[in-house]
Amino acid sequence: MVGPDGALPLPWLGPLLQRALQGPQAHALLLHGPQGVGQFELALTIAQAWLCERADRPSSEPPCGVCASCRLVQSHSHPDLLVLLPEALREPLGWSNGADDDGAERATKKAQPSREIKVDAVRLAVNFAQTTTARGRAKVVVLHPAERINHVSANTLLKTLEEPPGAARFILSCAAPDALLPTIRSRCRSLVLGLPPAAQAGAWLAGQGVADADVMLAATGGQPQEALDWVQQGIDAASWLRAPMAVAQGMSGAFASWPLPRTIDALQKICHDTLSLCVGAAPRYFPVASLRRGAEPAALHAWMRELNRVARHAEHPWNAGLLAESLVEQGRQSLAVGTSVHSAP
């Protein structure tokens, strides 16, 4: 969202916001691209622009950030804006809107927060879109991440996208558009988000207090928000650069404080970059000097298959510590053919 100072939430969103506001107007907009590049922030800023009430503001310009409507969006209390998020993302994203009324029931059952956008929430959004606007601009529904709607929820949403109410507008943001029904994608105007320029993303990370921002940006494949999230979870550049040698030595304790999904992701990237060296390609996530040469590609492929298999269930493992130890040991065996760390020329 644009604040009272007029600044965008992320500096690289300016051209994308301009494209969204200056392009053909549609009742549904689909934002898609890699995770960690500001999809949710862009969706909220577009919604804020659609609802902005500054009289002399052209519709193709960013929201003013100071009118009553903009301030309501900033305080998460605009009556014409509904944001649908899975339960598991509401606290991390700092957004709660009452779209799901089963919080007390979930707390009673001590169940894990849902990672899906449930059909009841989508039905609430449909009803919300059909009501009269409170402030006369539009009714805006933001769904993030849109790939988290299940099949029943998707069909419920599709009916509204096929015959949208006059004042209703939808913004769907996602990292996996292929997971959406083709009929939903076909009813949305598409806007693709790419990775931000490395220099701009690195400068933003440095401004957030991230040391060795270039290392963390490479570690996350160029996704600055993901890099910041990693650092906030205790994964800094020094521990990242030590990770390949820790695996080569079977030191699973080096990952003891890491969330299991992060550990698996790191192991996948170590395997990927080591395979890249095997075929004479440049590594993507680690400096060459931190990687071990000479491993057998067949062993690395077997390790990668196992990592990909367990990654599908990484959020709810039976025993995270034992699983991480097993995966690191398999990595040690896969890298054991190498006898020395390659030094950069």
Protein backbone atom coordinates (compact mmCIF):
# COMPACT_ATOMS: atom_id res chain seq x y z
CA MET A 1 0.00 0.00 0.00
CA VAL A 2 1.04 3.60 -0.56
CA GLY A 3 1.50 5.43 2.72
CA PRO A 4 0.91 9.10 3.53
CA ASP A 5 4.41 9.90 2.24
CA GLY A 6 3.43 8.64 -1.23
CA ALA A 7 6.14 5.94 -1.26
CA LEU A 8 5.49 2.55 -2.81
CA PRO A 9 5.79 -0.45 -0.46
CA LEU A 10 8.59 -1.88 -2.64
CA PRO A 11 10.66 0.32 -4.99
CA TRP A 12 10.53 -2.01 -8.01
CA LEU A 13 6.72 -2.05 -8.13
CA GLY A 14 6.41 1.36 -9.84
CA PRO A 15 6.46 0.19 -13.49
CA LEU A 16 4.15 -2.74 -12.70
CA LEU A 17 1.64 -0.49 -10.94
CA GLN A 18 1.73 1.86 -13.91
CA ARG A 19 1.03 -1.00 -16.32
CA ALA A 20 -1.86 -2.23 -14.17
CA LEU A 21 -3.52 1.18 -13.93
CA GLN A 22 -2.88 2.38 -17.49
CA GLY A 23 -3.85 -0.84 -19.26
CA PRO A 24 -7.34 -1.88 -20.30
CA GLN A 25 -9.72 -1.91 -17.37
CA ALA A 26 -11.06 -5.33 -16.42
CA HIS A 27 -13.23 -6.62 -13.63
CA ALA A 28 -10.59 -9.22 -12.72
CA LEU A 29 -6.80 -8.93 -12.66
CA LEU A 30 -4.40 -11.87 -12.27
CA LEU A 31 -0.94 -11.00 -10.92
CA HIS A 32 1.53 -13.86 -11.23
CA GLY A 33 5.25 -14.43 -10.95
CA PRO A 34 7.87 -15.78 -8.54
CA GLN A 35 7.25 -15.71 -4.81
CA GLY A 36 8.96 -13.07 -2.76
CA VAL A 37 8.80 -10.20 -5.26
CA GLY A 38 5.78 -8.27 -3.92
CA GLN A 39 2.66 -9.80 -5.42
CA PHE A 40 0.55 -9.16 -2.32
CA GLU A 41 1.86 -5.60 -1.89
CA LEU A 42 1.13 -4.83 -5.54
CA ALA A 43 -2.39 -6.27 -5.26
CA LEU A 44 -3.15 -4.07 -2.24
CA THR A 45 -1.71 -0.99 -3.93
CA ILE A 46 -3.85 -1.55 -7.04
CA ALA A 47 -6.91 -2.02 -4.83
CA GLN A 48 -6.02 1.20 -3.00
CA ALA A 49 -5.76 3.02 -6.33
CA TRP A 50 -9.14 1.76 -7.47
CA LEU A 51 -10.68 3.01 -4.22
CA CYS A 52 -8.72 6.29 -3.93
CA GLU A 53 -11.03 9.32 -3.57
CA ARG A 54 -8.70 12.20 -4.40
CA ALA A 55 -10.76 14.30 -6.81
CA ASP A 56 -7.94 15.52 -9.08
CA ARG A 57 -6.12 12.19 -9.32
CA PRO A 58 -6.16 10.57 -12.79
CA SER A 59 -7.23 6.93 -12.64
CA SER A 60 -3.92 5.89 -14.20
CA GLU A 61 -1.88 7.43 -11.36
CA PRO A 62 -0.87 5.76 -8.05
CA PRO A 63 -3.15 6.27 -5.05
CA CYS A 64 -2.62 9.50 -3.17
CA GLY A 65 -2.07 7.85 0.21
CA VAL A 66 -3.71 10.69 2.17
CA CYS A 67 -7.42 10.72 1.34
CA ALA A 68 -9.98 9.13 3.66
CA SER A 69 -10.24 6.04 1.47
CA CYS A 70 -6.47 5.51 1.35
CA ARG A 71 -6.27 5.84 5.12
CA LEU A 72 -9.02 3.26 5.54
CA VAL A 73 -7.07 0.86 3.33
CA GLN A 74 -3.91 1.53 5.33
CA SER A 75 -5.76 0.72 8.57
CA HIS A 76 -7.25 -2.48 7.08
CA SER A 77 -10.76 -1.16 7.68
CA HIS A 78 -12.07 -0.06 4.27
CA PRO A 79 -15.70 -1.19 3.97
CA ASP A 80 -15.37 -1.82 0.22
CA LEU A 81 -12.20 -3.93 0.39
CA LEU A 82 -12.14 -7.61 1.27
CA VAL A 83 -8.82 -9.47 1.48
CA LEU A 84 -8.94 -13.26 1.44
CA LEU A 85 -5.89 -15.07 2.80
CA PRO A 86 -5.35 -18.58 4.14
CA GLU A 87 -5.39 -18.69 7.94
CA ALA A 88 -1.69 -19.57 7.95
CA LEU A 89 -0.75 -16.32 6.14
CA ARG A 90 -2.85 -13.78 8.01
CA GLU A 91 -0.46 -13.20 10.87
CA PRO A 92 2.74 -13.24 8.74
CA LEU A 93 1.19 -10.70 6.36
CA GLY A 94 -0.27 -8.61 9.17
CA TRP A 95 -3.82 -8.75 7.83
CA SER A 96 -7.02 -9.89 9.49
CA ASN A 97 -10.48 -9.20 8.12
CA GLY A 98 -12.84 -11.71 9.66
CA ALA A 99 -13.38 -13.50 6.36
CA ASP A 100 -13.25 -16.82 8.16
CA ASP A 101 -15.35 -17.36 11.26
CA ASP A 102 -13.98 -20.68 12.41
CA GLY A 103 -11.05 -19.28 14.41
CA ALA A 104 -12.61 -20.18 17.75
CA GLU A 105 -13.45 -23.67 16.56
CA ARG A 106 -9.93 -24.16 15.24
CA ALA A 107 -8.45 -22.94 18.52
CA THR A 108 -10.66 -25.35 20.45
CA LYS A 109 -9.53 -28.27 18.31
CA LYS A 110 -5.92 -27.04 18.35
CA ALA A 111 -5.75 -27.66 14.61
CA GLN A 112 -3.03 -26.25 12.40
CA PRO A 113 -4.04 -23.03 10.58
CA SER A 114 -5.36 -23.85 7.14
CA ARG A 115 -3.13 -23.16 4.15
CA GLU A 116 -6.14 -23.04 1.80
CA ILE A 117 -8.65 -20.32 1.01
CA LYS A 118 -11.82 -22.12 2.03
CA VAL A 119 -15.06 -22.24 0.15
CA ASP A 120 -16.93 -20.41 2.94
CA ALA A 121 -14.54 -17.48 2.57
CA VAL A 122 -15.05 -17.43 -1.20
CA ARG A 123 -18.83 -17.48 -0.70
CA LEU A 124 -18.46 -14.52 1.65
CA ALA A 125 -16.49 -12.71 -1.07
CA VAL A 126 -19.20 -13.43 -3.63
CA ASN A 127 -21.86 -11.99 -1.31
CA PHE A 128 -19.60 -9.01 -0.53
CA ALA A 129 -19.16 -8.26 -4.25
CA GLN A 130 -22.91 -8.23 -4.80
CA THR A 131 -23.68 -5.59 -2.16
CA THR A 132 -23.82 -1.86 -2.76
CA THR A 133 -20.60 0.10 -2.32
CA ALA A 134 -20.29 1.97 0.97
CA ARG A 135 -18.20 4.84 -0.45
CA GLY A 136 -19.31 4.81 -4.08
CA ARG A 137 -16.09 3.80 -5.85
CA ALA A 138 -15.97 0.04 -6.22
CA LYS A 139 -16.08 -3.25 -4.33
CA VAL A 140 -12.64 -4.86 -4.44
CA VAL A 141 -11.76 -8.43 -3.47
CA VAL A 142 -8.11 -9.47 -3.18
CA LEU A 143 -7.30 -13.21 -3.15
CA HIS A 144 -3.76 -14.20 -2.22
CA PRO A 145 -2.28 -16.62 -3.08
CA ALA A 146 -4.95 -17.60 -5.58
CA GLU A 147 -3.51 -21.08 -6.10
CA ARG A 148 -4.61 -21.89 -2.54
CA ILE A 149 -8.27 -22.00 -3.50
CA ASN A 150 -9.44 -25.61 -3.79
CA HIS A 151 -11.59 -27.01 -6.58
CA VAL A 152 -14.91 -26.27 -4.87
CA SER A 153 -13.82 -22.72 -4.01
CA ALA A 154 -12.62 -22.17 -7.57
CA ASN A 155 -15.97 -23.19 -9.04
CA THR A 156 -17.76 -20.89 -6.59
CA LEU A 157 -15.56 -17.98 -7.68
CA LEU A 158 -15.90 -18.83 -11.36
CA LYS A 159 -19.64 -18.22 -11.34
CA THR A 160 -19.09 -14.65 -10.14
CA LEU A 161 -16.27 -14.00 -12.60
CA GLU A 162 -18.54 -15.15 -15.41
CA GLU A 163 -21.27 -12.64 -14.40
CA PRO A 164 -19.58 -10.01 -12.21
CA PRO A 165 -21.72 -7.42 -10.41
CA GLY A 166 -21.31 -3.93 -11.82
CA ALA A 167 -19.14 -2.40 -9.08
CA ALA A 168 -17.14 -5.53 -8.22
CA ARG A 169 -13.48 -5.95 -9.11
CA PHE A 170 -11.21 -8.86 -8.26
CA ILE A 171 -7.44 -9.09 -7.90
CA LEU A 172 -5.92 -12.57 -7.81
CA SER A 173 -2.21 -12.95 -7.10
CA CYS A 174 -0.31 -16.21 -7.32
CA ALA A 175 3.01 -17.88 -8.01
CA ALA A 176 1.50 -20.86 -9.85
CA PRO A 177 -1.10 -19.71 -12.40
CA ASP A 178 -1.21 -23.19 -13.93
CA ALA A 179 -2.79 -24.38 -10.67
CA LEU A 180 -5.85 -22.23 -11.40
CA LEU A 181 -8.71 -23.42 -13.54
CA PRO A 182 -8.19 -22.38 -17.18
CA THR A 183 -11.65 -20.82 -17.10
CA ILE A 184 -10.58 -18.56 -14.21
CA ARG A 185 -7.38 -17.52 -15.97
CA SER A 186 -9.27 -16.76 -19.17
CA ARG A 187 -11.58 -14.35 -17.36
CA CYS A 188 -8.75 -12.29 -15.88
CA ARG A 189 -6.43 -9.73 -17.37
CA SER A 190 -2.92 -11.05 -16.77
CA LEU A 191 0.00 -9.06 -15.38
CA VAL A 192 3.34 -10.86 -15.02
CA LEU A 193 5.79 -9.96 -12.24
CA GLY A 194 9.41 -10.78 -12.91
CA LEU A 195 12.39 -10.73 -10.59
CA PRO A 196 13.41 -7.16 -9.69
CA PRO A 197 16.78 -5.84 -10.88
CA ALA A 198 19.48 -7.33 -8.66
CA ALA A 199 21.01 -3.95 -7.81
CA GLN A 200 17.66 -2.52 -6.77
CA ALA A 201 16.70 -5.60 -4.77
CA GLY A 202 20.10 -5.74 -3.09
CA ALA A 203 19.91 -2.06 -2.13
CA TRP A 204 16.45 -2.64 -0.63
CA LEU A 205 17.73 -5.62 1.38
CA ALA A 206 20.69 -3.61 2.62
CA GLY A 207 18.25 -0.91 3.69
CA GLN A 208 16.40 -3.55 5.72
CA GLY A 209 19.63 -4.29 7.59
CA VAL A 210 20.58 -7.47 5.71
CA ALA A 211 24.34 -8.02 5.65
CA ASP A 212 25.88 -9.46 2.46
CA ALA A 213 22.63 -8.84 0.64
CA ASP A 214 24.02 -10.16 -2.64
CA VAL A 215 24.68 -13.57 -1.05
CA MET A 216 21.16 -13.83 0.34
CA LEU A 217 19.63 -12.60 -2.90
CA ALA A 218 21.44 -15.34 -4.83
CA ALA A 219 20.45 -17.89 -2.17
CA THR A 220 16.77 -17.19 -2.81
CA GLY A 221 17.03 -17.05 -6.58
CA GLY A 222 16.68 -13.26 -6.75
CA GLN A 223 13.60 -12.98 -4.50
CA PRO A 224 14.25 -10.14 -2.04
CA GLN A 225 11.25 -10.65 0.23
CA GLU A 226 12.15 -14.32 0.58
CA ALA A 227 15.73 -13.33 1.45
CA LEU A 228 14.50 -10.99 4.19
CA ASP A 229 12.25 -13.71 5.55
CA TRP A 230 15.20 -16.11 5.73
CA VAL A 231 17.32 -13.62 7.65
CA GLN A 232 14.48 -13.02 10.10
CA GLN A 233 14.40 -16.77 10.68
CA GLY A 234 18.10 -16.78 11.54
CA ILE A 235 19.59 -17.87 8.20
CA ASP A 236 22.29 -15.33 7.39
CA ALA A 237 24.93 -15.20 4.66
CA ALA A 238 27.61 -16.84 6.81
CA SER A 239 25.47 -19.88 7.65
CA TRP A 240 24.35 -20.14 4.01
CA LEU A 241 27.91 -20.20 2.70
CA ARG A 242 28.84 -22.89 5.25
CA ALA A 243 25.94 -25.14 4.26
CA PRO A 244 27.58 -27.09 1.38
CA MET A 245 30.62 -28.04 3.47
CA ALA A 246 28.36 -28.98 6.38
CA VAL A 247 26.52 -31.42 4.12
CA ALA A 248 29.78 -32.80 2.68
CA GLN A 249 30.92 -33.53 6.26
CA GLY A 250 27.54 -34.93 7.37
CA MET A 251 27.03 -32.16 9.93
CA SER A 252 23.25 -32.13 10.20
CA GLY A 253 23.53 -30.03 13.36
CA ALA A 254 24.36 -27.03 11.16
CA PHE A 255 20.67 -27.01 10.20
CA ALA A 256 19.24 -27.69 13.66
CA SER A 257 17.79 -24.20 14.08
CA TRP A 258 16.47 -23.95 10.51
CA PRO A 259 12.80 -24.63 9.73
CA LEU A 260 12.59 -27.97 7.92
CA PRO A 261 11.25 -26.47 4.65
CA ARG A 262 14.27 -24.12 4.61
CA THR A 263 16.65 -27.03 5.22
CA ILE A 264 15.15 -29.04 2.37
CA ASP A 265 15.27 -26.02 0.10
CA ALA A 266 18.97 -25.49 0.93
CA LEU A 267 19.75 -29.14 0.26
CA GLN A 268 17.94 -28.99 -3.07
CA LYS A 269 20.00 -25.96 -4.05
CA ILE A 270 23.26 -27.58 -2.98
CA CYS A 271 22.35 -30.60 -5.10
CA HIS A 272 21.34 -28.39 -8.04
CA ASP A 273 24.54 -26.37 -7.99
CA THR A 274 26.73 -29.45 -7.59
CA LEU A 275 25.01 -31.04 -10.58
CA SER A 276 25.60 -27.82 -12.50
CA LEU A 277 29.33 -28.14 -11.84
CA CYS A 278 29.21 -31.76 -13.04
CA VAL A 279 28.07 -30.63 -16.49
CA GLY A 280 30.29 -27.57 -16.66
CA ALA A 281 27.57 -25.02 -15.92
CA ALA A 282 27.77 -22.14 -13.46
CA PRO A 283 26.07 -22.61 -10.07
CA ARG A 284 23.10 -20.40 -9.32
CA TYR A 285 22.71 -20.27 -5.54
CA PHE A 286 26.23 -20.68 -4.10
CA PRO A 287 29.67 -19.32 -4.98
CA VAL A 288 31.80 -21.86 -6.85
CA ALA A 289 34.40 -21.88 -4.08
CA SER A 290 31.90 -23.21 -1.53
CA LEU A 291 30.95 -26.29 -3.56
CA ARG A 292 32.55 -29.73 -3.91
CA ARG A 293 33.47 -31.14 -7.30
CA GLY A 294 33.69 -34.73 -8.50
CA ALA A 295 30.39 -36.20 -7.29
CA GLU A 296 28.63 -38.83 -9.38
CA PRO A 297 25.62 -37.34 -11.22
CA ALA A 298 23.63 -40.55 -10.68
CA ALA A 299 24.01 -40.25 -6.90
CA LEU A 300 23.07 -36.59 -7.00
CA HIS A 301 19.97 -37.33 -9.08
CA ALA A 302 18.88 -39.97 -6.56
CA TRP A 303 19.37 -37.48 -3.73
CA MET A 304 17.37 -34.84 -5.60
CA ARG A 305 14.50 -37.27 -6.20
CA GLU A 306 14.33 -37.97 -2.46
CA LEU A 307 14.49 -34.26 -1.62
CA ASN A 308 11.68 -33.51 -4.06
CA ARG A 309 9.59 -36.29 -2.57
CA VAL A 310 9.90 -35.15 1.05
CA ALA A 311 9.50 -31.47 0.09
CA ARG A 312 5.83 -32.15 -0.66
CA HIS A 313 5.26 -32.98 3.02
CA ALA A 314 7.81 -30.70 4.66
CA GLU A 315 5.22 -28.62 6.52
CA HIS A 316 3.98 -31.57 8.59
CA PRO A 317 6.80 -34.08 9.14
CA TRP A 318 6.62 -36.87 11.71
CA ASN A 319 10.06 -36.00 13.09
CA ALA A 320 11.78 -33.00 11.55
CA GLY A 321 15.14 -33.60 13.24
CA LEU A 322 15.47 -37.21 12.14
CA LEU A 323 14.30 -36.39 8.62
CA ALA A 324 16.86 -33.58 8.25
CA GLU A 325 19.61 -35.85 9.60
CA SER A 326 18.69 -38.57 7.09
CA LEU A 327 18.65 -36.14 4.15
CA VAL A 328 22.00 -34.62 5.11
CA GLU A 329 23.53 -38.10 5.43
CA GLN A 330 22.26 -39.00 1.98
CA GLY A 331 23.79 -35.75 0.75
CA ARG A 332 27.13 -36.62 2.36
CA GLN A 333 27.15 -39.95 0.57
CA SER A 334 26.18 -38.30 -2.72
CA LEU A 335 29.05 -35.80 -2.42
CA ALA A 336 31.58 -38.34 -1.08
CA VAL A 337 33.24 -38.96 -4.44
CA GLY A 338 34.71 -35.43 -4.30
CA THR A 339 37.90 -35.15 -2.30
CA SER A 340 38.54 -31.42 -2.17
CA VAL A 341 36.79 -28.11 -2.27
CA HIS A 342 37.18 -26.41 -5.63
CA SER A 343 38.97 -23.07 -5.45
CA ALA A 344 37.92 -20.34 -7.80
CA PRO A 345 40.61 -19.42 -10.33
